[in-house]
Amino acid sequence: MRFLADMGVDQRVVQWLRNQGHEASHLRNEGLHRLPDEQIFAKAVTEGRIVLTFDLDFGEIVAISKNQAVSVILFRLHNTRAANVIRRLAAVLLDSSEALRAGAVITVEEARHRIRSLPIGTSRSPT
């Protein structure tokens, strides 16, 4: 899978994804640390990437995106340390790779994650 990490995501998460065989890039590495959210979303659409973010605005952007199939993994974690983010991301990827390929917003919390299939309104049960 291909990922695009927003500025709030630790670069160690991107490195972990690469070590798992995924293609992952970070906005900071591309010199795009000031890119507005809408342009980050457009970049993900163009490049076929899944957005990794802590930014709640991406849920709204997806909802009004006219059904463009870009998946977003939205972290809603109290513990934002890289090791915890990686642990939760590993669980999401194990459980939800099909949903990510089809287009979904996955909200990741400490003890569970919720999948909202795209287009918004066709949700799946929480895991």
Protein backbone atom coordinates (compact mmCIF):
# COMPACT_ATOMS: atom_id res chain seq x y z
CA MET A 1 0.00 0.00 0.00
CA ARG A 2 1.00 3.61 -0.49
CA PHE A 3 0.86 6.10 2.39
CA LEU A 4 1.24 9.85 2.86
CA ALA A 5 1.97 10.99 6.41
CA ASP A 6 0.75 14.37 7.58
CA MET A 7 2.99 16.59 9.71
CA GLY A 8 1.70 15.31 13.06
CA VAL A 9 2.79 11.75 12.29
CA ASP A 10 6.24 10.78 13.56
CA GLN A 11 8.74 9.90 10.85
CA ARG A 12 9.44 6.62 12.67
CA VAL A 13 5.93 5.53 11.67
CA VAL A 14 6.82 6.13 8.01
CA GLN A 15 10.05 4.18 8.43
CA TRP A 16 8.15 1.30 10.06
CA LEU A 17 5.75 1.21 7.09
CA ARG A 18 8.69 1.08 4.69
CA ASN A 19 10.21 -1.76 6.71
CA GLN A 20 6.89 -3.62 6.32
CA GLY A 21 7.17 -3.33 2.53
CA HIS A 22 4.84 -0.39 1.99
CA GLU A 23 5.60 2.75 0.03
CA ALA A 24 5.40 5.66 2.46
CA SER A 25 6.31 9.32 2.29
CA HIS A 26 6.16 12.16 4.79
CA LEU A 27 5.24 15.74 3.92
CA ARG A 28 8.32 17.00 5.79
CA ASN A 29 10.66 14.94 3.58
CA GLU A 30 9.06 16.44 0.49
CA GLY A 31 9.37 20.00 1.80
CA LEU A 32 5.59 20.32 1.97
CA HIS A 33 5.19 21.00 5.68
CA ARG A 34 2.99 24.08 5.04
CA LEU A 35 0.73 22.47 2.45
CA PRO A 36 -2.98 23.14 3.19
CA ASP A 37 -5.14 20.12 4.05
CA GLU A 38 -7.11 20.32 0.80
CA GLN A 39 -3.88 20.15 -1.20
CA ILE A 40 -2.61 17.25 0.91
CA PHE A 41 -5.84 15.44 0.08
CA ALA A 42 -5.46 16.28 -3.63
CA LYS A 43 -1.89 14.97 -3.55
CA ALA A 44 -3.09 11.72 -2.01
CA VAL A 45 -5.77 11.39 -4.72
CA THR A 46 -3.25 12.01 -7.50
CA GLU A 47 -0.68 9.59 -6.07
CA GLY A 48 -3.13 6.94 -4.86
CA ARG A 49 -1.99 7.22 -1.24
CA ILE A 50 -3.66 6.61 2.10
CA VAL A 51 -3.43 9.67 4.35
CA LEU A 52 -2.13 9.16 7.90
CA THR A 53 -3.12 12.04 10.15
CA PHE A 54 -4.11 13.32 13.57
CA ASP A 55 -5.98 16.23 11.91
CA LEU A 56 -9.76 15.94 12.32
CA ASP A 57 -10.31 18.18 9.29
CA PHE A 58 -9.57 15.25 6.98
CA GLY A 59 -12.79 13.52 7.96
CA GLU A 60 -14.74 16.54 6.73
CA ILE A 61 -12.63 16.85 3.58
CA VAL A 62 -13.37 13.23 2.70
CA ALA A 63 -17.08 13.73 3.37
CA ILE A 64 -17.29 16.60 0.84
CA SER A 65 -14.82 15.15 -1.66
CA LYS A 66 -17.41 14.00 -4.22
CA ASN A 67 -16.64 10.32 -3.64
CA GLN A 68 -12.95 10.44 -4.53
CA ALA A 69 -11.68 7.14 -3.19
CA VAL A 70 -8.85 8.16 -0.92
CA SER A 71 -8.57 6.39 2.38
CA VAL A 72 -7.69 8.24 5.57
CA ILE A 73 -6.39 6.78 8.80
CA LEU A 74 -7.28 9.27 11.49
CA PHE A 75 -5.51 8.79 14.83
CA ARG A 76 -7.49 9.82 17.93
CA LEU A 77 -4.95 8.61 20.48
CA HIS A 78 -4.10 9.92 23.93
CA ASN A 79 -0.68 8.27 23.70
CA THR A 80 0.82 9.71 20.52
CA ARG A 81 4.28 8.22 20.95
CA ALA A 82 5.58 6.54 17.82
CA ALA A 83 5.61 3.06 19.39
CA ASN A 84 1.92 3.30 20.30
CA VAL A 85 0.94 4.72 16.91
CA ILE A 86 2.81 1.87 15.21
CA ARG A 87 1.16 -0.71 17.46
CA ARG A 88 -2.32 0.61 16.66
CA LEU A 89 -1.51 1.03 12.96
CA ALA A 90 -0.31 -2.57 12.77
CA ALA A 91 -3.68 -3.73 14.14
CA VAL A 92 -5.55 -1.57 11.63
CA LEU A 93 -3.54 -2.86 8.68
CA LEU A 94 -4.01 -6.45 9.78
CA ASP A 95 -7.77 -6.03 10.13
CA SER A 96 -8.69 -3.41 7.54
CA SER A 97 -6.47 -3.61 4.47
CA GLU A 98 -9.42 -4.49 2.22
CA ALA A 99 -11.40 -1.47 3.43
CA LEU A 100 -8.39 0.79 2.88
CA ARG A 101 -8.02 -0.42 -0.69
CA ALA A 102 -11.74 0.15 -1.37
CA GLY A 103 -11.82 3.60 0.25
CA ALA A 104 -12.52 4.28 3.91
CA VAL A 105 -11.98 6.60 6.81
CA ILE A 106 -10.62 4.61 9.72
CA THR A 107 -10.65 6.30 13.10
CA VAL A 108 -8.03 4.77 15.39
CA GLU A 109 -8.50 4.99 19.14
CA GLU A 110 -6.57 3.40 21.99
CA ALA A 111 -8.62 0.20 22.22
CA ARG A 112 -10.49 0.01 18.90
CA HIS A 113 -10.87 1.40 15.42
CA ARG A 114 -13.96 2.30 13.41
CA ILE A 115 -14.30 1.88 9.66
CA ARG A 116 -16.45 4.25 7.63
CA SER A 117 -16.60 3.05 4.05
CA LEU A 118 -16.63 5.53 1.22
CA PRO A 119 -18.81 7.04 0.15
CA ILE A 120 -19.67 8.19 3.66
CA GLY A 121 -22.89 6.64 4.86
CA THR A 122 -22.02 3.00 4.24
CA SER A 123 -20.35 2.11 7.52
CA ARG A 124 -19.07 -1.18 8.84
CA SER A 125 -19.20 -2.41 12.38
CA PRO A 126 -16.49 -1.30 14.84
CA THR A 127 -13.59 -3.58 15.67
